[in-house]
Amino acid sequence: MAGSYTKKEFGVGPEEQTLLKDSNGTRIMPAKGYIKSSYNTFKDRVSAGTEPVRLSPGWEGTGRPDDELNFRGVTMDQADLELNPPKDRLNIVFCIMVLHGIGILMPWNMFITAKNYFVNYKLSEEYTGIQSNYATNFLAYLGFAAQIPNLLFNWLNVFMQFGGNLTTRIVWGIFIQVLIFVCTVILAMTDSSGWPGVFFWITMISVIILNTANGIYQNSVFGMVAKLPTKYTGAVILGSNISGTFTALINFLAQYMAPNPRTAAIYYFITALFILLACFDTYFALPINRFYRYRELLHQKGINKRQLENNARDKHNTPPYWKIFKQCFPQCFNTFFIFFVTLSLFPSVQSDIVRSDPNFIVSSNYYSTVMCFLTFNVTALIGSSIASLVQWPSKKYLIIPVLLRVLYIPLFLFCNYKPSGVSRILPVYISNDWIYFLIAVTMGISSGYFSSLSMMYCPRMVDSEYMATAGMFGAASLITGLFTGILFSMVMPILVANISFELS
């Protein structure tokens, strides 16, 4: 009808075009030409008490992109972030990811390097007054108690996502670990000489709970960092490699400065509490950072776009796990195999390689500490640092050097490897300590470098919508490599005790 407001003309219905009445009595009228034809309608609606309707964005019409509709649905902060993309000033986010990398391996490194506290103090015959197998088999029990729940919950966390979103899982994961370390400090303060068996099993249960929470935390951290550029995944790996060196240094300082093993253990485990609390605080500081908010915004926009595109096919928004796994499988395998080879040799084989030259620069008392633990942790750290600067080879060809690393297994067995309680019949083909040191250096650097690359590449194998899930697949593959490598390391003493051949 002539003179009426139609949806065709304005892009909206008449219910969105109610004229407003200002508080001073003036009216907002439509354009000239419509006044006469609409005045009666307006008068009737006002007289009837119809409530004014707020002018909606529909005045601008429909069918336009969101970014043309005055940033409809976008906050001022989001609009500012998109118009002025921020950078990671002072590398704050990078440093936070390094800190979380330290935190995710803190429980494992803390208990492994505290061997003297558990074996030579709390479970020793001198302290308890009895001889038991608790001290003899402590590291074996510790390895299984730590890695089995870590392995299980890392994989379950990919599919079941315990506790909801990433924030919930990370917060609860850290909180439970803090509680366990508080209990560990209390046990260190307590006289357990009369109940070594109870102390042992409390410790094992604590390790199981600790690594269950840590598995979820570790997996979720890689899911979180998958939303960021690749170098931030490298930052987490870098922190993981720093963790070993940092933990060994703290253990050494605690033993050096404390008057007795009990006090040293208290200082040592309290340090873990401070690190975990720092991880807790910095996680909540991330949303304050403009760069992190910007990357979250980009990630969420990518998810929203794909959800709209796939809405008809994927009504429940369930990630296609099999499709994601197939796409990121090459990098998952690379991650698995790198850590399988590394944990097959470090620390079990390397720590049992003894000095060949009595005049070597490193004395026998510190040979294992320097040539095994210090060398590996420092060189792995160097390798991870290089990966943050250079990414070579590409995703397609990374598998070649990864597979070649299997040659480190016979090389280390050819060194002066003498496991305790085993009569070696395999000849020692590498009796030069400097050659062994060179092999150890290249093994550590390649482990840190290639593991960083594979974890960086893993989320980039899939669409941005599924990067977090791919990152969790990569983390689960890492733990699988750790666990199977530890298991395979038990075969090494059998090999050198039963295999013998001569190289012509």
Protein backbone atom coordinates (compact mmCIF):
# COMPACT_ATOMS: atom_id res chain seq x y z
CA MET A 1 0.00 0.00 0.00
CA ALA A 2 1.33 3.41 -0.94
CA GLY A 3 2.83 5.41 1.85
CA SER A 4 3.42 2.48 4.21
CA TYR A 5 6.78 1.21 5.42
CA THR A 6 7.60 -2.11 3.82
CA LYS A 7 10.35 -4.62 4.55
CA LYS A 8 11.37 -4.50 0.93
CA GLU A 9 12.09 -0.79 1.09
CA PHE A 10 13.97 -0.66 4.36
CA GLY A 11 15.21 -4.23 4.87
CA VAL A 12 13.30 -4.62 8.16
CA GLY A 13 9.77 -5.14 9.40
CA PRO A 14 7.51 -2.37 10.65
CA GLU A 15 7.87 -3.54 14.26
CA GLU A 16 11.47 -2.31 14.14
CA GLN A 17 10.47 1.08 12.72
CA THR A 18 8.31 2.44 15.57
CA LEU A 19 8.96 6.10 15.92
CA LEU A 20 10.50 7.22 19.17
CA LYS A 21 9.25 9.91 21.46
CA ASP A 22 11.91 12.00 23.14
CA SER A 23 11.62 13.01 26.78
CA ASN A 24 11.07 16.65 25.80
CA GLY A 25 8.08 15.73 23.66
CA THR A 26 9.67 16.00 20.24
CA ARG A 27 9.10 13.17 17.82
CA ILE A 28 11.54 11.46 15.48
CA MET A 29 9.62 11.43 12.20
CA PRO A 30 10.34 9.56 8.98
CA ALA A 31 11.54 11.28 5.86
CA LYS A 32 9.37 13.90 4.24
CA GLY A 33 6.85 12.33 1.88
CA TYR A 34 5.86 9.64 4.33
CA ILE A 35 4.53 11.99 7.04
CA LYS A 36 0.94 12.28 5.92
CA SER A 37 0.49 8.61 5.13
CA SER A 38 1.99 7.39 8.37
CA TYR A 39 0.91 10.00 10.88
CA ASN A 40 -2.45 8.40 11.62
CA THR A 41 -0.83 5.00 12.11
CA PHE A 42 1.73 6.52 14.44
CA LYS A 43 -0.94 8.38 16.41
CA ASP A 44 -3.05 5.25 16.84
CA ARG A 45 -0.08 3.17 18.07
CA VAL A 46 1.02 5.80 20.58
CA SER A 47 -2.53 6.21 21.84
CA ALA A 48 -2.84 2.47 22.25
CA GLY A 49 0.19 2.48 24.55
CA THR A 50 2.47 0.57 22.21
CA GLU A 51 5.97 0.61 23.67
CA PRO A 52 8.60 2.24 21.50
CA VAL A 53 10.97 -0.22 19.83
CA ARG A 54 14.66 0.60 19.75
CA LEU A 55 16.10 1.28 16.33
CA SER A 56 17.95 -1.87 15.32
CA PRO A 57 20.96 -2.46 13.04
CA GLY A 58 18.35 -3.58 10.51
CA TRP A 59 18.18 0.06 9.32
CA GLU A 60 21.40 -0.70 7.52
CA GLY A 61 19.86 -3.57 5.58
CA THR A 62 20.66 -7.25 5.54
CA GLY A 63 22.94 -9.49 3.57
CA ARG A 64 26.08 -7.51 4.32
CA PRO A 65 29.22 -8.91 5.97
CA ASP A 66 29.45 -8.41 9.72
CA ASP A 67 32.48 -6.17 9.43
CA GLU A 68 30.39 -3.73 7.36
CA LEU A 69 27.59 -3.51 9.91
CA ASN A 70 29.35 -1.14 12.33
CA PHE A 71 31.23 -4.10 13.95
CA ARG A 72 27.92 -5.72 14.89
CA GLY A 73 28.52 -8.27 17.68
CA VAL A 74 32.10 -7.05 18.16
CA THR A 75 33.25 -5.27 21.31
CA MET A 76 35.36 -2.14 21.15
CA ASP A 77 38.33 -4.13 22.45
CA GLN A 78 37.96 -6.74 19.70
CA ALA A 79 37.57 -4.06 17.05
CA ASP A 80 40.73 -2.34 18.30
CA LEU A 81 42.65 -5.63 18.27
CA GLU A 82 41.66 -6.30 14.67
CA LEU A 83 42.42 -2.78 13.50
CA ASN A 84 45.75 -2.69 15.37
CA PRO A 85 47.11 -6.27 15.58
CA PRO A 86 49.40 -6.34 18.64
CA LYS A 87 52.76 -8.04 18.95
CA ASP A 88 54.11 -10.10 21.82
CA ARG A 89 55.81 -7.24 23.60
CA LEU A 90 58.93 -8.27 25.50
CA ASN A 91 58.05 -11.89 24.53
CA ILE A 92 55.86 -12.11 27.62
CA VAL A 93 53.58 -14.82 26.21
CA PHE A 94 56.62 -16.74 24.94
CA CYS A 95 58.17 -16.68 28.43
CA ILE A 96 54.89 -17.81 29.99
CA MET A 97 54.81 -20.80 27.64
CA VAL A 98 58.42 -21.63 28.58
CA LEU A 99 57.34 -21.55 32.24
CA HIS A 100 54.48 -23.95 31.54
CA GLY A 101 56.93 -26.19 29.69
CA ILE A 102 59.01 -26.32 32.87
CA GLY A 103 55.88 -27.04 34.90
CA ILE A 104 54.58 -29.94 32.83
CA LEU A 105 57.72 -32.03 33.40
CA MET A 106 58.38 -30.80 36.93
CA PRO A 107 56.71 -33.76 38.73
CA TRP A 108 58.60 -36.42 36.75
CA ASN A 109 61.96 -34.67 37.04
CA MET A 110 61.46 -33.88 40.73
CA PHE A 111 60.89 -37.47 41.79
CA ILE A 112 63.52 -38.98 39.47
CA THR A 113 66.32 -36.65 40.59
CA ALA A 114 65.33 -37.13 44.25
CA LYS A 115 66.63 -40.70 44.13
CA ASN A 116 69.09 -40.11 46.97
CA TYR A 117 66.34 -38.80 49.24
CA PHE A 118 64.10 -41.82 48.70
CA VAL A 119 66.65 -44.63 48.25
CA ASN A 120 69.54 -43.53 50.46
CA TYR A 121 67.53 -41.82 53.19
CA LYS A 122 63.82 -42.56 53.64
CA LEU A 123 63.97 -46.21 52.52
CA SER A 124 67.56 -46.98 53.53
CA GLU A 125 68.52 -49.64 56.04
CA GLU A 126 70.32 -47.02 58.15
CA TYR A 127 67.12 -44.97 58.53
CA THR A 128 64.51 -47.74 58.81
CA GLY A 129 66.63 -50.40 60.51
CA ILE A 130 65.44 -53.06 58.06
CA GLN A 131 66.53 -54.20 54.62
CA SER A 132 63.81 -54.26 51.98
CA ASN A 133 63.26 -54.27 48.25
CA TYR A 134 61.58 -50.88 48.41
CA ALA A 135 64.88 -49.09 47.93
CA THR A 136 66.27 -51.59 45.41
CA ASN A 137 63.34 -51.37 43.00
CA PHE A 138 62.25 -47.82 43.79
CA LEU A 139 63.00 -46.27 40.38
CA ALA A 140 61.31 -49.13 38.53
CA TYR A 141 58.15 -48.75 40.62
CA LEU A 142 58.33 -44.99 40.27
CA GLY A 143 58.58 -45.18 36.48
CA PHE A 144 55.47 -47.35 36.15
CA ALA A 145 53.49 -45.36 38.72
CA ALA A 146 54.34 -42.12 36.92
CA GLN A 147 53.97 -43.04 33.26
CA ILE A 148 51.01 -45.44 33.16
CA PRO A 149 48.40 -42.92 34.43
CA ASN A 150 50.09 -40.17 32.45
CA LEU A 151 49.78 -42.26 29.29
CA LEU A 152 46.21 -43.32 30.00
CA PHE A 153 44.81 -39.90 30.82
CA ASN A 154 46.68 -38.14 28.04
CA TRP A 155 44.87 -40.28 25.48
CA LEU A 156 41.52 -40.19 27.27
CA ASN A 157 41.79 -36.42 27.60
CA VAL A 158 41.91 -36.10 23.81
CA PHE A 159 38.48 -37.70 23.41
CA MET A 160 36.69 -37.21 26.72
CA GLN A 161 38.09 -33.83 27.78
CA PHE A 162 37.82 -34.33 31.54
CA GLY A 163 36.54 -31.33 33.42
CA GLY A 164 35.26 -29.34 30.45
CA ASN A 165 37.24 -26.67 28.65
CA LEU A 166 40.98 -26.05 28.64
CA THR A 167 40.84 -23.55 31.49
CA THR A 168 39.07 -25.95 33.83
CA ARG A 169 41.47 -28.77 33.04
CA ILE A 170 44.60 -26.66 33.41
CA VAL A 171 43.46 -25.06 36.67
CA TRP A 172 42.44 -28.33 38.31
CA GLY A 173 45.52 -30.10 36.97
CA ILE A 174 47.84 -27.56 38.59
CA PHE A 175 45.79 -27.40 41.80
CA ILE A 176 45.93 -31.18 42.36
CA GLN A 177 49.69 -31.20 41.72
CA VAL A 178 50.17 -28.44 44.29
CA LEU A 179 48.24 -30.48 46.88
CA ILE A 180 50.37 -33.57 46.20
CA PHE A 181 53.61 -31.63 46.61
CA VAL A 182 52.30 -30.17 49.87
CA CYS A 183 51.71 -33.75 51.08
CA THR A 184 55.21 -34.71 49.88
CA VAL A 185 56.75 -31.87 51.91
CA ILE A 186 54.76 -32.98 54.98
CA LEU A 187 56.04 -36.55 54.51
CA ALA A 188 59.60 -35.20 54.31
CA MET A 189 59.07 -33.48 57.68
CA THR A 190 57.60 -36.62 59.25
CA ASP A 191 59.62 -39.39 60.87
CA SER A 192 58.67 -42.46 58.82
CA SER A 193 61.43 -44.76 60.04
CA GLY A 194 58.90 -47.03 61.76
CA TRP A 195 56.67 -47.51 58.73
CA PRO A 196 58.78 -47.63 55.54
CA GLY A 197 56.23 -49.80 53.73
CA VAL A 198 53.42 -47.34 54.38
CA PHE A 199 55.67 -44.45 53.33
CA PHE A 200 56.57 -46.28 50.11
CA TRP A 201 52.97 -46.95 49.09
CA ILE A 202 51.80 -43.46 50.06
CA THR A 203 54.54 -42.15 47.80
CA MET A 204 53.47 -44.43 44.94
CA ILE A 205 49.80 -43.41 45.29
CA SER A 206 50.89 -39.77 45.36
CA VAL A 207 52.89 -40.29 42.18
CA ILE A 208 49.89 -41.92 40.46
CA ILE A 209 47.56 -39.03 41.38
CA LEU A 210 50.25 -36.48 40.57
CA ASN A 211 50.90 -37.81 37.09
CA THR A 212 47.21 -38.30 36.37
CA ALA A 213 46.69 -34.59 36.98
CA ASN A 214 49.91 -33.78 35.16
CA GLY A 215 48.84 -35.80 32.12
CA ILE A 216 45.66 -33.74 31.80
CA TYR A 217 47.57 -30.51 32.44
CA GLN A 218 50.30 -31.33 29.93
CA ASN A 219 47.85 -32.36 27.24
CA SER A 220 45.74 -29.23 27.77
CA VAL A 221 48.78 -26.93 27.61
CA PHE A 222 49.62 -28.26 24.15
CA GLY A 223 45.99 -27.80 23.17
CA MET A 224 46.16 -24.19 24.37
CA VAL A 225 49.43 -23.36 22.66
CA ALA A 226 48.22 -24.87 19.38
CA LYS A 227 46.12 -21.71 18.92
CA LEU A 228 49.29 -19.59 18.82
CA PRO A 229 52.04 -19.34 16.18
CA THR A 230 54.37 -22.32 15.89
CA LYS A 231 57.22 -20.79 17.89
CA TYR A 232 55.07 -20.91 21.03
CA THR A 233 54.80 -24.69 20.78
CA GLY A 234 58.58 -24.62 20.59
CA ALA A 235 58.56 -22.50 23.75
CA VAL A 236 56.75 -25.28 25.64
CA ILE A 237 59.26 -27.86 24.38
CA LEU A 238 62.06 -25.47 25.32
CA GLY A 239 60.66 -25.22 28.83
CA SER A 240 60.39 -29.00 29.05
CA ASN A 241 64.09 -29.29 28.27
CA ILE A 242 64.95 -26.52 30.73
CA SER A 243 63.00 -28.42 33.38
CA GLY A 244 65.54 -31.24 33.58
CA THR A 245 68.51 -28.90 33.96
CA PHE A 246 66.64 -26.67 36.40
CA THR A 247 65.54 -29.59 38.56
CA ALA A 248 69.02 -31.11 38.67
CA LEU A 249 70.48 -27.73 39.63
CA ILE A 250 67.92 -27.19 42.40
CA ASN A 251 68.58 -30.69 43.74
CA PHE A 252 72.33 -30.05 43.78
CA LEU A 253 71.93 -26.69 45.54
CA ALA A 254 69.51 -28.14 48.09
CA GLN A 255 71.94 -30.93 48.96
CA TYR A 256 74.88 -28.53 49.07
CA MET A 257 73.20 -25.91 51.26
CA ALA A 258 71.09 -28.09 53.56
CA PRO A 259 72.65 -29.70 56.65
CA ASN A 260 70.87 -33.05 56.15
CA PRO A 261 68.82 -34.99 53.54
CA ARG A 262 65.54 -34.19 55.29
CA THR A 263 66.03 -30.42 55.07
CA ALA A 264 67.35 -30.72 51.51
CA ALA A 265 64.18 -32.56 50.45
CA ILE A 266 61.97 -29.91 52.06
CA TYR A 267 63.75 -27.10 50.19
CA TYR A 268 63.70 -29.15 47.00
CA PHE A 269 59.97 -29.95 46.95
CA ILE A 270 58.97 -26.45 48.10
CA THR A 271 60.68 -25.15 44.96
CA ALA A 272 58.28 -27.25 42.90
CA LEU A 273 55.38 -25.58 44.70
CA PHE A 274 56.62 -22.13 43.71
CA ILE A 275 57.01 -23.17 40.07
CA LEU A 276 53.50 -24.64 39.90
CA LEU A 277 51.99 -21.59 41.61
CA ALA A 278 53.79 -19.38 39.08
CA CYS A 279 52.24 -21.47 36.28
CA PHE A 280 48.84 -21.02 37.94
CA ASP A 281 49.17 -17.24 38.19
CA THR A 282 50.57 -16.69 34.71
CA TYR A 283 47.80 -18.71 33.11
CA PHE A 284 45.23 -16.28 34.49
CA ALA A 285 47.43 -13.38 33.37
CA LEU A 286 47.25 -14.48 29.72
CA PRO A 287 43.80 -12.95 28.98
CA ILE A 288 45.16 -9.59 30.14
CA ASN A 289 47.78 -9.68 27.39
CA ARG A 290 46.62 -8.01 24.16
CA PHE A 291 48.61 -10.34 21.91
CA TYR A 292 47.11 -13.43 23.51
CA ARG A 293 43.58 -11.98 23.26
CA TYR A 294 44.19 -11.21 19.60
CA ARG A 295 45.31 -14.77 18.81
CA GLU A 296 42.32 -16.14 20.74
CA LEU A 297 40.05 -13.86 18.70
CA LEU A 298 41.52 -15.07 15.41
CA HIS A 299 41.22 -18.68 16.50
CA GLN A 300 37.61 -18.23 17.58
CA LYS A 301 36.71 -16.45 14.34
CA GLY A 302 38.12 -19.38 12.38
CA ILE A 303 36.08 -21.81 14.46
CA ASN A 304 32.90 -19.77 14.03
CA LYS A 305 33.39 -19.52 10.29
CA ARG A 306 33.85 -23.26 9.86
CA GLN A 307 30.98 -24.06 12.18
CA LEU A 308 28.69 -21.99 10.00
CA GLU A 309 29.99 -23.72 6.90
CA ASN A 310 29.63 -27.19 8.38
CA ASN A 311 26.51 -26.58 10.45
CA ALA A 312 24.30 -28.75 8.25
CA ARG A 313 26.71 -31.67 8.35
CA ASP A 314 27.95 -31.41 11.93
CA LYS A 315 25.04 -30.57 14.14
CA HIS A 316 26.69 -31.68 17.39
CA ASN A 317 30.07 -29.96 16.80
CA THR A 318 31.89 -33.19 17.65
CA PRO A 319 35.46 -33.09 16.32
CA PRO A 320 36.11 -35.72 13.62
CA TYR A 321 38.82 -37.44 15.65
CA TRP A 322 39.75 -40.06 13.05
CA LYS A 323 40.08 -37.43 10.32
CA ILE A 324 42.20 -35.22 12.59
CA PHE A 325 44.42 -38.13 13.62
CA LYS A 326 44.99 -39.22 10.01
CA GLN A 327 46.00 -35.70 9.04
CA CYS A 328 48.42 -35.16 11.94
CA PHE A 329 49.62 -38.80 12.16
CA PRO A 330 53.00 -38.17 10.42
CA GLN A 331 53.96 -35.64 13.09
CA CYS A 332 52.47 -37.76 15.88
CA PHE A 333 54.68 -40.64 14.73
CA ASN A 334 57.71 -38.35 14.54
CA THR A 335 57.06 -37.16 18.10
CA PHE A 336 56.56 -40.73 19.33
CA PHE A 337 59.71 -42.09 17.68
CA ILE A 338 61.94 -39.22 18.80
CA PHE A 339 61.04 -39.78 22.45
CA PHE A 340 61.11 -43.56 22.08
CA VAL A 341 64.75 -43.46 20.97
CA THR A 342 65.68 -40.79 23.52
CA LEU A 343 64.12 -42.55 26.53
CA SER A 344 65.57 -45.88 25.43
CA LEU A 345 68.99 -44.36 26.06
CA PHE A 346 68.51 -41.55 28.57
CA PRO A 347 68.97 -41.86 31.45
CA SER A 348 69.15 -45.66 31.85
CA VAL A 349 71.92 -46.46 29.33
CA GLN A 350 73.84 -43.19 29.54
CA SER A 351 73.99 -43.23 33.33
CA ASP A 352 75.62 -46.69 33.22
CA ILE A 353 78.35 -45.73 30.74
CA VAL A 354 81.61 -45.54 32.69
CA ARG A 355 84.87 -43.75 32.03
CA SER A 356 87.28 -45.54 29.69
CA ASP A 357 90.34 -43.34 30.13
CA PRO A 358 91.45 -42.97 33.78
CA ASN A 359 93.07 -39.65 32.84
CA PHE A 360 89.93 -38.19 31.27
CA ILE A 361 89.15 -34.59 32.25
CA VAL A 362 85.99 -35.60 34.15
CA SER A 363 86.63 -37.72 37.25
CA SER A 364 84.79 -40.97 37.83
CA ASN A 365 82.83 -39.43 40.73
CA TYR A 366 81.18 -36.87 38.45
CA TYR A 367 81.34 -38.78 35.15
CA SER A 368 77.69 -39.85 35.08
CA THR A 369 76.44 -36.49 36.34
CA VAL A 370 78.35 -34.49 33.73
CA MET A 371 78.36 -36.85 30.74
CA CYS A 372 74.78 -38.04 31.17
CA PHE A 373 72.43 -35.67 32.98
CA LEU A 374 74.14 -32.33 32.44
CA THR A 375 75.17 -33.05 28.85
CA PHE A 376 71.75 -34.25 27.75
CA ASN A 377 69.72 -31.51 29.43
CA VAL A 378 71.95 -28.69 28.20
CA THR A 379 72.18 -29.99 24.62
CA ALA A 380 68.44 -30.71 24.43
CA LEU A 381 67.89 -27.14 25.57
CA ILE A 382 70.19 -25.89 22.81
CA GLY A 383 68.32 -27.98 20.25
CA SER A 384 64.96 -26.58 21.32
CA SER A 385 66.33 -23.04 21.16
CA ILE A 386 67.55 -23.58 17.60
CA ALA A 387 64.10 -24.84 16.60
CA SER A 388 62.61 -21.51 17.68
CA LEU A 389 64.82 -19.79 15.09
CA VAL A 390 65.09 -22.31 12.25
CA GLN A 391 62.52 -24.85 11.09
CA TRP A 392 64.24 -27.36 8.79
CA PRO A 393 63.50 -29.86 7.31
CA SER A 394 59.90 -29.31 6.25
CA LYS A 395 56.91 -31.27 7.53
CA LYS A 396 57.18 -33.69 4.61
CA TYR A 397 60.83 -34.66 5.12
CA LEU A 398 61.18 -34.51 8.90
CA ILE A 399 60.63 -38.26 9.15
CA ILE A 400 64.00 -38.97 7.46
CA PRO A 401 66.30 -37.66 10.26
CA VAL A 402 63.82 -38.92 12.85
CA LEU A 403 64.17 -42.51 11.60
CA LEU A 404 67.95 -42.17 11.30
CA ARG A 405 68.14 -41.44 15.04
CA VAL A 406 67.55 -45.14 15.72
CA LEU A 407 71.28 -45.57 14.97
CA TYR A 408 72.01 -44.00 18.35
CA ILE A 409 70.86 -47.21 20.06
CA PRO A 410 73.72 -49.43 18.76
CA LEU A 411 76.18 -46.54 19.06
CA PHE A 412 75.53 -46.16 22.79
CA LEU A 413 75.65 -49.92 23.30
CA PHE A 414 79.07 -49.95 21.61
CA CYS A 415 80.34 -47.48 24.23
CA ASN A 416 81.65 -48.55 27.65
CA TYR A 417 78.15 -49.38 28.88
CA LYS A 418 78.28 -51.53 32.02
CA PRO A 419 74.88 -51.94 33.68
CA SER A 420 74.89 -52.98 37.33
CA GLY A 421 74.72 -56.71 37.98
CA VAL A 422 75.25 -57.67 34.33
CA SER A 423 78.25 -59.40 32.77
CA ARG A 424 78.78 -57.77 29.39
CA ILE A 425 79.91 -60.01 26.54
CA LEU A 426 79.41 -57.49 23.74
CA PRO A 427 82.82 -55.96 22.94
CA VAL A 428 83.35 -52.25 23.62
CA TYR A 429 83.96 -50.70 20.20
CA ILE A 430 83.90 -47.05 21.30
CA SER A 431 86.42 -46.71 24.12
CA ASN A 432 87.26 -43.05 23.59
CA ASP A 433 85.49 -40.78 26.08
CA TRP A 434 85.58 -37.79 23.73
CA ILE A 435 83.86 -39.75 20.95
CA TYR A 436 81.21 -40.85 23.43
CA PHE A 437 80.80 -37.22 24.50
CA LEU A 438 80.33 -36.17 20.86
CA ILE A 439 77.68 -38.86 20.36
CA ALA A 440 75.90 -37.75 23.53
CA VAL A 441 75.95 -34.11 22.41
CA THR A 442 74.45 -34.86 18.99
CA MET A 443 71.83 -37.13 20.54
CA GLY A 444 70.72 -34.41 22.95
CA ILE A 445 70.64 -31.64 20.33
CA SER A 446 68.74 -33.79 17.83
CA SER A 447 66.24 -34.81 20.51
CA GLY A 448 65.49 -31.23 21.50
CA TYR A 449 65.48 -29.89 17.94
CA PHE A 450 63.42 -32.54 16.16
CA SER A 451 60.93 -32.94 19.02
CA SER A 452 60.30 -29.19 18.91
CA LEU A 453 59.80 -29.31 15.14
CA SER A 454 57.38 -32.22 15.25
CA MET A 455 55.30 -30.60 18.00
CA MET A 456 55.28 -27.32 16.07
CA TYR A 457 54.20 -29.01 12.85
CA CYS A 458 51.52 -31.21 14.40
CA PRO A 459 48.74 -28.59 14.82
CA ARG A 460 49.55 -27.14 11.36
CA MET A 461 48.54 -30.38 9.67
CA VAL A 462 44.83 -29.66 10.29
CA ASP A 463 42.35 -26.80 9.92
CA SER A 464 42.56 -24.07 12.56
CA GLU A 465 39.28 -25.31 14.02
CA TYR A 466 40.96 -28.59 15.04
CA MET A 467 44.40 -27.30 16.04
CA ALA A 468 43.78 -27.77 19.76
CA THR A 469 42.75 -31.41 19.24
CA ALA A 470 45.78 -32.04 17.02
CA GLY A 471 48.01 -30.50 19.69
CA MET A 472 46.57 -32.91 22.25
CA PHE A 473 47.22 -35.83 19.88
CA GLY A 474 50.84 -34.66 19.68
CA ALA A 475 51.14 -34.48 23.47
CA ALA A 476 49.66 -37.97 23.84
CA SER A 477 52.16 -39.27 21.26
CA LEU A 478 54.97 -37.68 23.28
CA ILE A 479 53.90 -39.51 26.44
CA THR A 480 53.53 -42.76 24.48
CA GLY A 481 57.10 -42.38 23.25
CA LEU A 482 58.31 -41.74 26.80
CA PHE A 483 56.55 -44.80 28.17
CA THR A 484 57.59 -47.24 25.44
CA GLY A 485 61.15 -45.88 25.53
CA ILE A 486 61.37 -46.55 29.28
CA LEU A 487 60.06 -50.07 28.73
CA PHE A 488 62.52 -50.75 25.90
CA SER A 489 65.44 -49.48 27.98
CA MET A 490 65.01 -52.55 30.19
CA VAL A 491 66.05 -54.68 27.21
CA MET A 492 69.47 -53.01 26.88
CA PRO A 493 71.22 -54.95 29.67
CA ILE A 494 69.88 -58.18 28.14
CA LEU A 495 71.28 -57.25 24.73
CA VAL A 496 74.85 -56.55 25.91
CA ALA A 497 74.80 -59.69 28.08
CA ASN A 498 73.66 -62.05 25.31
CA ILE A 499 74.87 -60.64 21.99
CA SER A 500 78.45 -60.73 20.82
CA PHE A 501 80.02 -60.21 17.41
CA GLU A 502 83.27 -58.95 15.98
CA LEU A 503 83.56 -56.03 13.59
CA SER A 504 86.10 -56.83 10.91
